[in-house]
Amino acid sequence: MGIAVGDVSGKGVSAALCMAKLSSEARHLSAGKTEPAAILRELNASLFRDLTEGMFVTLVFFSLDVANRRLRLANAGHLPPLLRHRDGRTEQMETKRSVPLGIAESVDFEESVFELAPGDTVIAFTDGLNEATNPHDELFGTERLARVVSESGGTPEKTLEVLLQSVETFQEDQPQSDDLTIVCFGPTANS
């Protein structure tokens, strides 16, 4: 199973069109492939030719072997995902972050491999989450994010629900200033 979470620089129509192209290209280029680094190399080559100057995309691409609970990922300048263990311990999934897609014509991406245990939850997100602000101009931040994830109850569904509620409560009436994407997944405690 392939999972991608990304963020396009800029806003408006050009950013939306870029994300639509990226989504289509990612589906096409990843069909039948399981190597995240190779997929990112091909996506980068495609985007480098077509992106408007100054635009770029951060992206983390996961390849999940569901049967063996093995997760491979490559990171193109995106925020490191979090891993919440069944016991509540939460850590950043340390990966080699390369430059974002579209910056350089030829980029080598490295893969990291993680063995997921039953009850683990992976959380990938865009900076609209950790950079959400409240009326006092305080950031939601990575420490608060890790604490909320740790205390969330563990299942991917519960983690997502608690994160969305926490950031909404934190922001009070403050409007969302950036796109916010959160993807949570992992093997069930029974698998």
N, C-alpha and C. Protein backbone atom coordinates (compact mmCIF):
# COMPACT_ATOMS: atom_id res chain seq x y z
N MET A 1 0.84 -1.16 0.00
CA MET A 1 0.00 0.00 0.00
C MET A 1 0.89 1.23 0.00
N GLY A 2 0.63 2.16 -0.87
CA GLY A 2 1.37 3.42 -0.92
C GLY A 2 0.58 4.53 -0.27
N ILE A 3 1.27 5.35 0.52
CA ILE A 3 0.64 6.48 1.19
C ILE A 3 1.58 7.67 1.02
N ALA A 4 1.02 8.81 0.60
CA ALA A 4 1.83 10.01 0.42
C ALA A 4 1.16 11.18 1.11
N VAL A 5 1.97 12.00 1.77
CA VAL A 5 1.48 13.24 2.38
C VAL A 5 2.45 14.33 1.95
N GLY A 6 1.89 15.38 1.35
CA GLY A 6 2.74 16.45 0.85
C GLY A 6 2.13 17.81 1.02
N ASP A 7 2.94 18.82 0.73
CA ASP A 7 2.52 20.22 0.85
C ASP A 7 3.21 21.01 -0.25
N VAL A 8 2.41 21.74 -1.01
CA VAL A 8 2.93 22.56 -2.11
C VAL A 8 3.21 23.96 -1.59
N SER A 9 4.32 24.54 -2.02
CA SER A 9 4.61 25.93 -1.64
C SER A 9 3.60 26.85 -2.31
N GLY A 10 3.31 27.93 -1.66
CA GLY A 10 2.39 28.91 -2.23
C GLY A 10 0.94 28.58 -1.94
N LYS A 11 0.08 29.38 -2.50
CA LYS A 11 -1.36 29.23 -2.28
C LYS A 11 -2.09 29.52 -3.58
N GLY A 12 -3.36 29.30 -3.57
CA GLY A 12 -4.19 29.67 -4.70
C GLY A 12 -4.24 28.63 -5.79
N VAL A 13 -4.62 29.10 -6.99
CA VAL A 13 -4.86 28.21 -8.12
C VAL A 13 -3.61 27.47 -8.54
N SER A 14 -2.47 28.15 -8.60
CA SER A 14 -1.24 27.47 -9.07
C SER A 14 -0.84 26.35 -8.12
N ALA A 15 -0.98 26.56 -6.80
CA ALA A 15 -0.65 25.51 -5.83
C ALA A 15 -1.64 24.35 -5.96
N ALA A 16 -2.91 24.66 -6.15
CA ALA A 16 -3.93 23.60 -6.30
C ALA A 16 -3.68 22.78 -7.56
N LEU A 17 -3.33 23.43 -8.65
CA LEU A 17 -3.04 22.72 -9.90
C LEU A 17 -1.80 21.84 -9.74
N CYS A 18 -0.80 22.36 -9.04
CA CYS A 18 0.41 21.58 -8.80
C CYS A 18 0.09 20.32 -7.99
N MET A 19 -0.73 20.46 -6.95
CA MET A 19 -1.08 19.30 -6.13
C MET A 19 -1.90 18.29 -6.93
N ALA A 20 -2.77 18.77 -7.81
CA ALA A 20 -3.55 17.85 -8.65
C ALA A 20 -2.61 17.07 -9.57
N LYS A 21 -1.63 17.76 -10.15
CA LYS A 21 -0.65 17.08 -11.02
C LYS A 21 0.17 16.09 -10.21
N LEU A 22 0.61 16.51 -9.04
CA LEU A 22 1.42 15.64 -8.18
C LEU A 22 0.64 14.38 -7.80
N SER A 23 -0.61 14.54 -7.43
CA SER A 23 -1.44 13.40 -7.04
C SER A 23 -1.58 12.41 -8.19
N SER A 24 -1.83 12.93 -9.37
CA SER A 24 -1.97 12.08 -10.55
C SER A 24 -0.65 11.37 -10.88
N GLU A 25 0.43 12.12 -10.88
CA GLU A 25 1.76 11.55 -11.17
C GLU A 25 2.14 10.50 -10.14
N ALA A 26 1.85 10.76 -8.87
CA ALA A 26 2.21 9.81 -7.81
C ALA A 26 1.47 8.49 -8.01
N ARG A 27 0.20 8.57 -8.36
CA ARG A 27 -0.56 7.33 -8.61
C ARG A 27 0.03 6.57 -9.80
N HIS A 28 0.32 7.31 -10.85
CA HIS A 28 0.85 6.69 -12.07
C HIS A 28 2.24 6.08 -11.84
N LEU A 29 3.13 6.86 -11.24
CA LEU A 29 4.52 6.41 -11.09
C LEU A 29 4.69 5.32 -10.02
N SER A 30 3.75 5.24 -9.08
CA SER A 30 3.90 4.24 -8.02
C SER A 30 3.19 2.93 -8.32
N ALA A 31 2.44 2.88 -9.39
CA ALA A 31 1.70 1.66 -9.72
C ALA A 31 2.66 0.48 -9.86
N GLY A 32 2.47 -0.53 -9.02
CA GLY A 32 3.28 -1.74 -9.08
C GLY A 32 4.67 -1.60 -8.50
N LYS A 33 4.99 -0.45 -7.88
CA LYS A 33 6.33 -0.24 -7.32
C LYS A 33 6.24 -0.18 -5.80
N THR A 34 7.32 -0.56 -5.14
CA THR A 34 7.33 -0.54 -3.68
C THR A 34 8.52 0.22 -3.10
N GLU A 35 9.32 0.89 -3.95
CA GLU A 35 10.51 1.58 -3.48
C GLU A 35 10.24 3.08 -3.39
N PRO A 36 9.97 3.61 -2.19
CA PRO A 36 9.66 5.03 -2.05
C PRO A 36 10.73 5.96 -2.62
N ALA A 37 12.00 5.64 -2.45
CA ALA A 37 13.06 6.51 -2.96
C ALA A 37 13.01 6.60 -4.48
N ALA A 38 12.79 5.49 -5.14
CA ALA A 38 12.71 5.48 -6.61
C ALA A 38 11.49 6.27 -7.08
N ILE A 39 10.38 6.12 -6.38
CA ILE A 39 9.17 6.85 -6.75
C ILE A 39 9.40 8.36 -6.59
N LEU A 40 10.06 8.77 -5.50
CA LEU A 40 10.34 10.19 -5.31
C LEU A 40 11.29 10.72 -6.38
N ARG A 41 12.27 9.92 -6.80
CA ARG A 41 13.19 10.36 -7.86
C ARG A 41 12.41 10.65 -9.14
N GLU A 42 11.48 9.75 -9.49
CA GLU A 42 10.69 9.94 -10.71
C GLU A 42 9.74 11.12 -10.57
N LEU A 43 9.12 11.27 -9.42
CA LEU A 43 8.24 12.42 -9.20
C LEU A 43 9.02 13.73 -9.29
N ASN A 44 10.20 13.75 -8.70
CA ASN A 44 11.02 14.94 -8.75
C ASN A 44 11.38 15.31 -10.18
N ALA A 45 11.80 14.34 -10.97
CA ALA A 45 12.16 14.62 -12.37
C ALA A 45 10.98 15.19 -13.13
N SER A 46 9.81 14.64 -12.92
CA SER A 46 8.62 15.12 -13.60
C SER A 46 8.26 16.54 -13.16
N LEU A 47 8.28 16.78 -11.85
CA LEU A 47 7.91 18.10 -11.35
C LEU A 47 8.95 19.15 -11.70
N PHE A 48 10.22 18.79 -11.69
CA PHE A 48 11.27 19.76 -12.00
C PHE A 48 11.07 20.38 -13.38
N ARG A 49 10.63 19.56 -14.33
CA ARG A 49 10.39 20.05 -15.69
C ARG A 49 9.19 20.99 -15.76
N ASP A 50 8.19 20.74 -14.90
CA ASP A 50 6.90 21.42 -15.07
C ASP A 50 6.56 22.51 -14.07
N LEU A 51 7.24 22.55 -12.93
CA LEU A 51 6.87 23.52 -11.91
C LEU A 51 7.26 24.94 -12.30
N THR A 52 6.44 25.87 -11.89
CA THR A 52 6.77 27.28 -12.04
C THR A 52 7.98 27.57 -11.16
N GLU A 53 8.87 28.43 -11.64
CA GLU A 53 10.08 28.73 -10.88
C GLU A 53 9.72 29.22 -9.48
N GLY A 54 10.42 28.71 -8.50
CA GLY A 54 10.19 29.09 -7.12
C GLY A 54 9.21 28.18 -6.39
N MET A 55 8.47 27.36 -7.12
CA MET A 55 7.55 26.43 -6.46
C MET A 55 8.29 25.14 -6.12
N PHE A 56 7.84 24.49 -5.08
CA PHE A 56 8.39 23.19 -4.69
C PHE A 56 7.34 22.45 -3.89
N VAL A 57 7.61 21.17 -3.64
CA VAL A 57 6.68 20.31 -2.90
C VAL A 57 7.46 19.52 -1.87
N THR A 58 7.01 19.56 -0.62
CA THR A 58 7.55 18.64 0.38
C THR A 58 6.65 17.41 0.36
N LEU A 59 7.24 16.25 0.53
CA LEU A 59 6.46 15.02 0.43
C LEU A 59 7.15 13.89 1.18
N VAL A 60 6.36 13.14 1.92
CA VAL A 60 6.85 11.90 2.51
C VAL A 60 6.03 10.78 1.87
N PHE A 61 6.74 9.75 1.38
CA PHE A 61 6.08 8.65 0.69
C PHE A 61 6.35 7.36 1.45
N PHE A 62 5.25 6.67 1.79
CA PHE A 62 5.33 5.42 2.54
C PHE A 62 4.96 4.25 1.63
N SER A 63 5.63 3.14 1.83
CA SER A 63 5.24 1.87 1.21
C SER A 63 5.04 0.90 2.36
N LEU A 64 3.79 0.46 2.55
CA LEU A 64 3.46 -0.38 3.68
C LEU A 64 3.18 -1.80 3.21
N ASP A 65 3.99 -2.74 3.71
CA ASP A 65 3.74 -4.16 3.51
C ASP A 65 2.82 -4.58 4.65
N VAL A 66 1.53 -4.61 4.37
CA VAL A 66 0.53 -4.84 5.40
C VAL A 66 0.72 -6.19 6.08
N ALA A 67 0.96 -7.24 5.31
CA ALA A 67 1.07 -8.59 5.87
C ALA A 67 2.22 -8.71 6.87
N ASN A 68 3.34 -8.04 6.59
CA ASN A 68 4.52 -8.15 7.44
C ASN A 68 4.72 -6.95 8.35
N ARG A 69 3.82 -5.96 8.28
CA ARG A 69 3.89 -4.74 9.09
C ARG A 69 5.23 -4.02 8.92
N ARG A 70 5.75 -4.05 7.70
CA ARG A 70 7.01 -3.39 7.39
C ARG A 70 6.71 -2.09 6.63
N LEU A 71 7.24 -1.00 7.14
CA LEU A 71 7.00 0.31 6.55
C LEU A 71 8.31 0.87 6.01
N ARG A 72 8.31 1.18 4.72
CA ARG A 72 9.46 1.84 4.09
C ARG A 72 9.02 3.26 3.75
N LEU A 73 9.91 4.22 3.95
CA LEU A 73 9.55 5.58 3.61
C LEU A 73 10.76 6.36 3.13
N ALA A 74 10.46 7.37 2.31
CA ALA A 74 11.47 8.32 1.86
C ALA A 74 10.87 9.71 2.03
N ASN A 75 11.73 10.68 2.35
CA ASN A 75 11.26 12.00 2.71
C ASN A 75 11.92 13.07 1.85
N ALA A 76 11.08 13.84 1.15
CA ALA A 76 11.55 14.94 0.31
C ALA A 76 11.24 16.26 1.03
N GLY A 77 12.01 16.56 2.06
CA GLY A 77 11.89 17.84 2.75
C GLY A 77 10.65 18.03 3.60
N HIS A 78 9.90 16.97 3.86
CA HIS A 78 8.67 17.08 4.63
C HIS A 78 8.95 16.90 6.12
N LEU A 79 7.99 17.33 6.94
CA LEU A 79 8.11 17.14 8.38
C LEU A 79 8.20 15.65 8.70
N PRO A 80 9.06 15.27 9.65
CA PRO A 80 9.16 13.85 10.00
C PRO A 80 7.83 13.35 10.60
N PRO A 81 7.38 12.19 10.17
CA PRO A 81 6.18 11.62 10.76
C PRO A 81 6.45 11.22 12.22
N LEU A 82 5.36 11.00 12.95
CA LEU A 82 5.47 10.52 14.32
C LEU A 82 5.06 9.05 14.37
N LEU A 83 5.63 8.34 15.32
CA LEU A 83 5.25 6.96 15.58
C LEU A 83 4.81 6.87 17.03
N ARG A 84 3.54 6.50 17.23
CA ARG A 84 3.02 6.29 18.58
C ARG A 84 2.98 4.78 18.81
N HIS A 85 3.74 4.35 19.81
CA HIS A 85 3.74 2.93 20.17
C HIS A 85 2.50 2.62 21.00
N ARG A 86 2.18 1.38 21.05
CA ARG A 86 0.98 0.93 21.77
C ARG A 86 0.97 1.40 23.22
N ASP A 87 2.15 1.50 23.83
CA ASP A 87 2.24 1.92 25.24
C ASP A 87 2.18 3.43 25.42
N GLY A 88 2.03 4.18 24.31
CA GLY A 88 1.91 5.63 24.40
C GLY A 88 3.19 6.39 24.09
N ARG A 89 4.33 5.70 24.12
CA ARG A 89 5.58 6.38 23.76
C ARG A 89 5.44 6.92 22.34
N THR A 90 5.85 8.16 22.15
CA THR A 90 5.75 8.80 20.84
C THR A 90 7.11 9.35 20.46
N GLU A 91 7.49 9.11 19.21
CA GLU A 91 8.79 9.58 18.74
C GLU A 91 8.70 10.01 17.28
N GLN A 92 9.62 10.88 16.90
CA GLN A 92 9.73 11.22 15.48
C GLN A 92 10.34 10.03 14.77
N MET A 93 9.83 9.74 13.58
CA MET A 93 10.41 8.69 12.75
C MET A 93 11.61 9.30 12.03
N GLU A 94 12.76 9.06 12.58
CA GLU A 94 13.97 9.67 12.03
C GLU A 94 14.25 9.14 10.63
N THR A 95 14.33 10.05 9.71
CA THR A 95 14.61 9.72 8.32
C THR A 95 15.59 10.74 7.77
N LYS A 96 16.24 10.37 6.71
CA LYS A 96 17.10 11.32 6.00
C LYS A 96 16.18 12.18 5.14
N ARG A 97 16.10 13.47 5.46
CA ARG A 97 15.26 14.37 4.68
C ARG A 97 16.11 14.96 3.56
N SER A 98 15.64 14.78 2.34
CA SER A 98 16.30 15.38 1.19
C SER A 98 15.62 16.69 0.88
N VAL A 99 16.06 17.34 -0.16
CA VAL A 99 15.44 18.60 -0.57
C VAL A 99 14.03 18.33 -1.09
N PRO A 100 13.16 19.32 -1.03
CA PRO A 100 11.82 19.14 -1.58
C PRO A 100 11.84 18.85 -3.07
N LEU A 101 10.75 18.30 -3.56
CA LEU A 101 10.60 18.00 -4.98
C LEU A 101 10.55 19.29 -5.78
N GLY A 102 11.20 19.27 -6.95
CA GLY A 102 11.15 20.40 -7.86
C GLY A 102 12.25 21.42 -7.70
N ILE A 103 13.13 21.25 -6.72
CA ILE A 103 14.20 22.22 -6.46
C ILE A 103 15.42 21.95 -7.34
N ALA A 104 15.81 20.70 -7.42
CA ALA A 104 16.99 20.30 -8.20
C ALA A 104 16.58 19.20 -9.18
N GLU A 105 17.25 19.17 -10.31
CA GLU A 105 16.87 18.22 -11.36
C GLU A 105 17.11 16.78 -10.96
N SER A 106 18.22 16.53 -10.28
CA SER A 106 18.56 15.16 -9.92
C SER A 106 18.83 15.10 -8.42
N VAL A 107 18.05 14.30 -7.71
CA VAL A 107 18.19 14.19 -6.26
C VAL A 107 18.17 12.72 -5.89
N ASP A 108 19.06 12.35 -4.97
CA ASP A 108 19.03 11.00 -4.42
C ASP A 108 18.23 11.02 -3.13
N PHE A 109 17.27 10.15 -3.02
CA PHE A 109 16.46 10.02 -1.82
C PHE A 109 16.84 8.71 -1.14
N GLU A 110 16.85 8.73 0.18
CA GLU A 110 17.18 7.53 0.94
C GLU A 110 15.94 7.00 1.63
N GLU A 111 15.90 5.70 1.79
CA GLU A 111 14.78 5.06 2.46
C GLU A 111 15.12 4.70 3.90
N SER A 112 14.10 4.74 4.71
CA SER A 112 14.19 4.24 6.08
C SER A 112 13.17 3.12 6.20
N VAL A 113 13.46 2.14 7.03
CA VAL A 113 12.57 0.99 7.20
C VAL A 113 12.21 0.88 8.67
N PHE A 114 10.93 0.66 8.93
CA PHE A 114 10.43 0.51 10.29
C PHE A 114 9.58 -0.76 10.36
N GLU A 115 9.74 -1.50 11.43
CA GLU A 115 8.88 -2.65 11.70
C GLU A 115 7.80 -2.17 12.65
N LEU A 116 6.56 -2.23 12.22
CA LEU A 116 5.46 -1.78 13.06
C LEU A 116 4.95 -2.94 13.91
N ALA A 117 4.67 -2.65 15.16
CA ALA A 117 4.10 -3.66 16.06
C ALA A 117 2.59 -3.46 16.12
N PRO A 118 1.85 -4.51 16.42
CA PRO A 118 0.40 -4.33 16.59
C PRO A 118 0.11 -3.22 17.60
N GLY A 119 -0.79 -2.33 17.22
CA GLY A 119 -1.14 -1.20 18.08
C GLY A 119 -0.34 0.06 17.84
N ASP A 120 0.71 0.02 17.00
CA ASP A 120 1.45 1.24 16.64
C ASP A 120 0.60 2.10 15.70
N THR A 121 0.80 3.41 15.79
CA THR A 121 0.12 4.34 14.89
C THR A 121 1.15 5.29 14.30
N VAL A 122 1.13 5.43 12.99
CA VAL A 122 1.98 6.39 12.29
C VAL A 122 1.14 7.63 12.01
N ILE A 123 1.72 8.81 12.27
CA ILE A 123 1.02 10.07 12.05
C ILE A 123 1.87 10.92 11.12
N ALA A 124 1.34 11.21 9.93
CA ALA A 124 1.99 12.12 8.98
C ALA A 124 1.09 13.35 8.87
N PHE A 125 1.70 14.51 8.73
CA PHE A 125 0.91 15.75 8.78
C PHE A 125 1.62 16.87 8.02
N THR A 126 0.87 17.91 7.72
CA THR A 126 1.46 19.10 7.12
C THR A 126 1.66 20.15 8.21
N ASP A 127 2.42 21.20 7.88
CA ASP A 127 2.76 22.22 8.87
C ASP A 127 1.56 23.04 9.33
N GLY A 128 0.41 22.88 8.68
CA GLY A 128 -0.79 23.54 9.17
C GLY A 128 -1.19 23.05 10.55
N LEU A 129 -0.68 21.89 10.96
CA LEU A 129 -0.97 21.34 12.29
C LEU A 129 -0.05 21.96 13.34
N ASN A 130 1.24 21.74 13.22
CA ASN A 130 2.15 22.23 14.26
C ASN A 130 2.31 23.75 14.24
N GLU A 131 1.96 24.42 13.12
CA GLU A 131 2.05 25.88 13.04
C GLU A 131 0.70 26.57 13.24
N ALA A 132 -0.32 25.81 13.63
CA ALA A 132 -1.61 26.42 13.96
C ALA A 132 -1.39 27.38 15.13
N THR A 133 -2.06 28.53 15.10
CA THR A 133 -1.88 29.53 16.15
C THR A 133 -3.18 29.77 16.91
N ASN A 134 -3.02 30.25 18.13
CA ASN A 134 -4.18 30.65 18.93
C ASN A 134 -4.27 32.17 18.92
N PRO A 135 -5.28 32.76 19.58
CA PRO A 135 -5.41 34.22 19.57
C PRO A 135 -4.23 34.97 20.20
N HIS A 136 -3.37 34.27 20.93
CA HIS A 136 -2.20 34.89 21.56
C HIS A 136 -0.95 34.71 20.71
N ASP A 137 -1.14 34.29 19.45
CA ASP A 137 -0.04 34.05 18.50
C ASP A 137 0.94 32.98 18.96
N GLU A 138 0.47 32.03 19.76
CA GLU A 138 1.28 30.89 20.17
C GLU A 138 1.07 29.78 19.14
N LEU A 139 2.13 29.04 18.86
CA LEU A 139 2.05 27.89 17.95
C LEU A 139 1.58 26.65 18.70
N PHE A 140 0.82 25.80 17.99
CA PHE A 140 0.46 24.50 18.55
C PHE A 140 1.73 23.74 18.88
N GLY A 141 2.70 23.76 17.97
CA GLY A 141 4.05 23.26 18.22
C GLY A 141 4.21 21.75 18.23
N THR A 142 5.44 21.33 18.10
CA THR A 142 5.75 19.90 18.02
C THR A 142 5.69 19.21 19.38
N GLU A 143 6.02 19.93 20.46
CA GLU A 143 5.95 19.30 21.79
C GLU A 143 4.50 19.01 22.16
N ARG A 144 3.61 19.97 21.94
CA ARG A 144 2.20 19.76 22.23
C ARG A 144 1.64 18.65 21.34
N LEU A 145 2.04 18.66 20.08
CA LEU A 145 1.61 17.63 19.14
C LEU A 145 1.99 16.24 19.65
N ALA A 146 3.24 16.07 20.05
CA ALA A 146 3.70 14.76 20.55
C ALA A 146 2.95 14.37 21.82
N ARG A 147 2.69 15.33 22.70
CA ARG A 147 1.97 15.03 23.94
C ARG A 147 0.54 14.59 23.65
N VAL A 148 -0.14 15.31 22.75
CA VAL A 148 -1.52 14.95 22.40
C VAL A 148 -1.56 13.57 21.78
N VAL A 149 -0.62 13.28 20.88
CA VAL A 149 -0.57 11.95 20.25
C VAL A 149 -0.34 10.88 21.30
N SER A 150 0.59 11.12 22.22
CA SER A 150 0.90 10.15 23.26
C SER A 150 -0.31 9.83 24.13
N GLU A 151 -1.13 10.84 24.40
CA GLU A 151 -2.28 10.69 25.29
C GLU A 151 -3.57 10.35 24.54
N SER A 152 -3.49 10.10 23.24
CA SER A 152 -4.68 10.00 22.39
C SER A 152 -5.50 8.72 22.53
N GLY A 153 -4.94 7.68 23.05
CA GLY A 153 -5.68 6.42 23.14
C GLY A 153 -5.22 5.39 22.13
N GLY A 154 -4.43 5.81 21.16
CA GLY A 154 -3.72 4.85 20.35
C GLY A 154 -4.21 4.44 19.00
N THR A 155 -5.47 4.15 18.80
CA THR A 155 -5.86 3.69 17.46
C THR A 155 -5.70 4.84 16.47
N PRO A 156 -5.47 4.53 15.21
CA PRO A 156 -5.36 5.61 14.22
C PRO A 156 -6.60 6.51 14.22
N GLU A 157 -7.78 5.92 14.29
CA GLU A 157 -9.01 6.71 14.28
C GLU A 157 -9.10 7.63 15.49
N LYS A 158 -8.78 7.09 16.67
CA LYS A 158 -8.84 7.89 17.90
C LYS A 158 -7.77 8.97 17.89
N THR A 159 -6.59 8.65 17.40
CA THR A 159 -5.51 9.64 17.33
C THR A 159 -5.92 10.81 16.45
N LEU A 160 -6.48 10.52 15.29
CA LEU A 160 -6.94 11.58 14.39
C LEU A 160 -8.02 12.42 15.06
N GLU A 161 -8.99 11.78 15.66
CA GLU A 161 -10.09 12.49 16.32
C GLU A 161 -9.56 13.42 17.41
N VAL A 162 -8.67 12.93 18.26
CA VAL A 162 -8.13 13.71 19.37
C VAL A 162 -7.28 14.87 18.83
N LEU A 163 -6.47 14.63 17.80
CA LEU A 163 -5.65 15.70 17.23
C LEU A 163 -6.52 16.82 16.66
N LEU A 164 -7.54 16.47 15.89
CA LEU A 164 -8.41 17.50 15.30
C LEU A 164 -9.12 18.30 16.39
N GLN A 165 -9.60 17.62 17.42
CA GLN A 165 -10.28 18.32 18.52
C GLN A 165 -9.31 19.22 19.27
N SER A 166 -8.10 18.73 19.50
CA SER A 166 -7.10 19.50 20.25
C SER A 166 -6.68 20.76 19.52
N VAL A 167 -6.45 20.67 18.22
CA VAL A 167 -6.03 21.86 17.48
C VAL A 167 -7.19 22.84 17.36
N GLU A 168 -8.41 22.34 17.22
CA GLU A 168 -9.58 23.23 17.16
C GLU A 168 -9.75 23.98 18.48
N THR A 169 -9.63 23.27 19.59
CA THR A 169 -9.73 23.90 20.92
C THR A 169 -8.60 24.90 21.12
N PHE A 170 -7.40 24.54 20.72
CA PHE A 170 -6.24 25.41 20.86
C PHE A 170 -6.42 26.72 20.10
N GLN A 171 -6.95 26.64 18.88
CA GLN A 171 -7.11 27.83 18.04
C GLN A 171 -8.22 28.75 18.51
N GLU A 172 -9.11 28.25 19.33
CA GLU A 172 -10.29 28.99 19.77
C GLU A 172 -11.03 29.48 18.53
N ASP A 173 -11.18 30.77 18.36
CA ASP A 173 -11.90 31.31 17.20
C ASP A 173 -10.95 31.75 16.08
N GLN A 174 -9.68 31.47 16.25
CA GLN A 174 -8.67 31.87 15.26
C GLN A 174 -8.90 31.09 13.96
N PRO A 175 -8.95 31.77 12.82
CA PRO A 175 -9.12 31.02 11.57
C PRO A 175 -7.86 30.22 11.22
N GLN A 176 -8.08 29.10 10.52
CA GLN A 176 -6.97 28.27 10.06
C GLN A 176 -6.19 29.06 9.02
N SER A 177 -4.89 29.24 9.23
CA SER A 177 -4.09 30.08 8.32
C SER A 177 -3.40 29.27 7.23
N ASP A 178 -3.38 27.95 7.36
CA ASP A 178 -2.70 27.12 6.37
C ASP A 178 -3.48 25.81 6.25
N ASP A 179 -3.28 25.14 5.11
CA ASP A 179 -3.91 23.83 4.95
C ASP A 179 -3.45 22.90 6.05
N LEU A 180 -4.36 22.06 6.51
CA LEU A 180 -4.04 21.11 7.56
C LEU A 180 -4.42 19.72 7.08
N THR A 181 -3.42 18.86 6.99
CA THR A 181 -3.63 17.48 6.59
C THR A 181 -3.02 16.57 7.64
N ILE A 182 -3.78 15.56 8.05
CA ILE A 182 -3.29 14.56 9.00
C ILE A 182 -3.68 13.19 8.47
N VAL A 183 -2.72 12.28 8.40
CA VAL A 183 -3.00 10.91 8.01
C VAL A 183 -2.47 10.01 9.12
N CYS A 184 -3.35 9.16 9.65
CA CYS A 184 -2.98 8.23 10.72
C CYS A 184 -3.28 6.81 10.24
N PHE A 185 -2.32 5.89 10.45
CA PHE A 185 -2.53 4.50 10.08
C PHE A 185 -1.61 3.60 10.90
N GLY A 186 -1.95 2.32 10.92
CA GLY A 186 -1.12 1.37 11.62
C GLY A 186 -1.83 0.04 11.78
N PRO A 187 -1.09 -0.98 12.17
CA PRO A 187 -1.71 -2.30 12.37
C PRO A 187 -2.56 -2.31 13.62
N THR A 188 -3.68 -2.98 13.57
CA THR A 188 -4.54 -3.06 14.74
C THR A 188 -3.86 -3.86 15.84
N ALA A 189 -4.34 -3.66 17.05
CA ALA A 189 -3.74 -4.38 18.19
C ALA A 189 -3.91 -5.88 18.07
N ASN A 190 -4.84 -6.32 17.24
CA ASN A 190 -5.09 -7.76 17.07
C ASN A 190 -4.32 -8.38 15.92
N SER A 191 -3.57 -7.60 15.15
CA SER A 191 -2.93 -8.16 13.94
C SER A 191 -1.54 -8.67 14.19
